[in-house]
Protein backbone atom coordinates (compact mmCIF):
# COMPACT_ATOMS: atom_id res chain seq x y z
CA MET A 1 70.10 7.65 -16.07
CA PRO A 2 67.77 7.19 -13.32
CA TYR A 3 67.35 9.42 -10.38
CA LEU A 4 67.55 7.89 -6.74
CA PHE A 5 66.25 9.90 -3.86
CA SER A 6 67.85 9.50 -0.52
CA TYR A 7 66.53 10.61 2.86
CA GLY A 8 68.93 8.17 5.02
CA THR A 9 72.01 6.24 4.97
CA LEU A 10 72.38 6.16 1.17
CA GLN A 11 73.78 9.72 1.67
CA LYS A 12 76.67 8.58 3.70
CA GLU A 13 79.86 8.88 1.64
CA GLN A 14 81.07 5.27 3.35
CA VAL A 15 77.57 3.70 2.17
CA GLN A 16 77.96 4.89 -1.37
CA ILE A 17 81.63 3.62 -1.49
CA GLU A 18 81.00 0.35 -0.31
CA THR A 19 77.59 0.06 -2.40
CA PHE A 20 78.38 1.87 -5.46
CA GLY A 21 82.35 2.12 -5.58
CA ARG A 22 82.24 5.93 -5.64
CA ILE A 23 80.85 9.02 -4.16
CA LEU A 24 77.58 10.25 -5.63
CA LYS A 25 76.91 13.72 -6.51
CA GLY A 26 73.43 14.95 -5.53
CA LEU A 27 71.02 17.79 -5.26
CA GLU A 28 68.81 18.86 -2.42
CA ASP A 29 65.29 17.95 -3.10
CA ALA A 30 62.15 16.89 -1.23
CA LEU A 31 58.99 14.73 -1.24
CA SER A 32 55.49 15.58 -0.24
CA GLY A 33 52.84 13.34 1.00
CA TYR A 34 55.19 10.92 3.04
CA SER A 35 56.16 10.80 6.66
CA LEU A 36 59.55 9.49 8.14
CA ARG A 37 59.96 6.67 10.63
CA TYR A 38 62.65 4.71 11.89
CA ILE A 39 62.93 0.80 11.94
CA GLU A 40 65.55 -1.48 13.28
CA ILE A 41 67.97 -3.07 11.03
CA LYS A 42 69.08 -6.69 11.60
CA ASP A 43 70.95 -7.35 8.37
CA PRO A 44 74.63 -7.67 9.43
CA GLU A 45 76.24 -6.37 5.94
CA VAL A 46 73.81 -3.25 6.18
CA LEU A 47 74.74 -2.58 9.64
CA ARG A 48 78.57 -2.79 8.82
CA LYS A 49 77.93 -0.51 5.81
CA SER A 50 75.79 2.25 7.62
CA ASN A 51 77.08 1.83 11.51
CA GLN A 52 73.65 2.54 12.33
CA ASN A 53 71.38 0.19 14.07
CA PHE A 54 68.14 2.44 13.14
CA HIS A 55 67.32 3.43 9.60
CA PRO A 56 64.69 6.02 8.60
CA ILE A 57 61.76 4.71 6.50
CA ILE A 58 59.07 6.66 4.60
CA GLU A 59 55.26 6.11 4.34
CA PHE A 60 52.92 7.29 2.15
CA THR A 61 50.50 9.66 4.00
CA ASN A 62 48.81 11.72 1.06
CA ASP A 63 49.12 14.78 3.08
CA VAL A 64 50.74 17.48 1.19
CA ASN A 65 51.99 18.93 4.63
CA ASP A 66 54.00 15.86 5.15
CA ILE A 67 57.60 16.39 3.56
CA VAL A 68 60.74 14.67 3.66
CA HIS A 69 63.86 16.24 2.56
CA GLY A 70 66.78 14.56 1.12
CA LYS A 71 69.33 14.20 -2.01
CA LEU A 72 68.46 13.35 -5.52
CA PHE A 73 71.38 11.20 -7.09
CA GLU A 74 71.84 10.78 -10.74
CA ILE A 75 73.02 7.15 -10.86
CA SER A 76 73.48 4.15 -13.42
CA GLU A 77 70.92 1.43 -14.05
CA GLU A 78 73.60 -1.14 -12.60
CA GLU A 79 74.14 1.12 -9.55
CA LEU A 80 70.05 1.31 -8.82
CA MET A 81 70.38 -2.53 -8.96
CA LYS A 82 73.14 -2.29 -6.28
CA ALA A 83 70.90 0.07 -4.17
CA ASP A 84 67.94 -2.57 -4.39
CA THR A 85 70.72 -5.04 -2.74
CA TYR A 86 71.53 -2.59 -0.27
CA GLU A 87 68.25 -2.02 0.79
CA VAL A 88 66.49 -4.48 3.42
CA ASP A 89 63.29 -6.31 2.86
CA ASP A 90 61.23 -3.70 4.74
CA TYR A 91 61.59 -1.37 1.75
CA LYS A 92 60.19 -1.34 -1.66
CA ARG A 93 61.38 1.01 -4.58
CA ILE A 94 58.83 3.16 -6.32
CA GLU A 95 58.87 6.00 -9.02
CA VAL A 96 57.76 9.40 -7.94
CA VAL A 97 58.01 13.00 -8.80
CA PHE A 98 59.83 15.21 -6.56
CA LYS A 99 59.51 18.88 -5.51
CA SER A 100 61.98 19.69 -8.45
CA CYS A 101 59.34 18.09 -10.91
CA LYS A 102 62.28 15.59 -11.59
CA LYS A 103 60.91 11.69 -11.73
CA GLY A 104 62.93 9.30 -9.88
CA PHE A 105 62.93 6.30 -7.44
CA VAL A 106 62.60 6.26 -3.74
CA TYR A 107 62.49 3.38 -1.39
CA ILE A 108 59.38 3.44 0.89
CA LYS A 109 57.85 1.04 3.57
CA LYS A 110 56.25 -1.95 2.11
């Protein structure tokens, strides 16, 4: 089962229920070399689920002092596809290694 790192709205229980049909269990983790920014969301379905106009987004900096904190969730392949549908076109999914040394996916700025 893949790991998915969330530093934003995918940590919200309401978003998880509406996206995955369940509440995810996750552990605190972090990702270095990335910095956090915010983008305005215009997709009405994502806005409805998150109830938030501005969502965090991270971008690669290659600076080990830049650290993004979040939660690492173990999900199914099917749920990973559902997460892809939830994220708007400003994001792309990549595979990285987290502070915990676990390998998994995260959504970053395109």
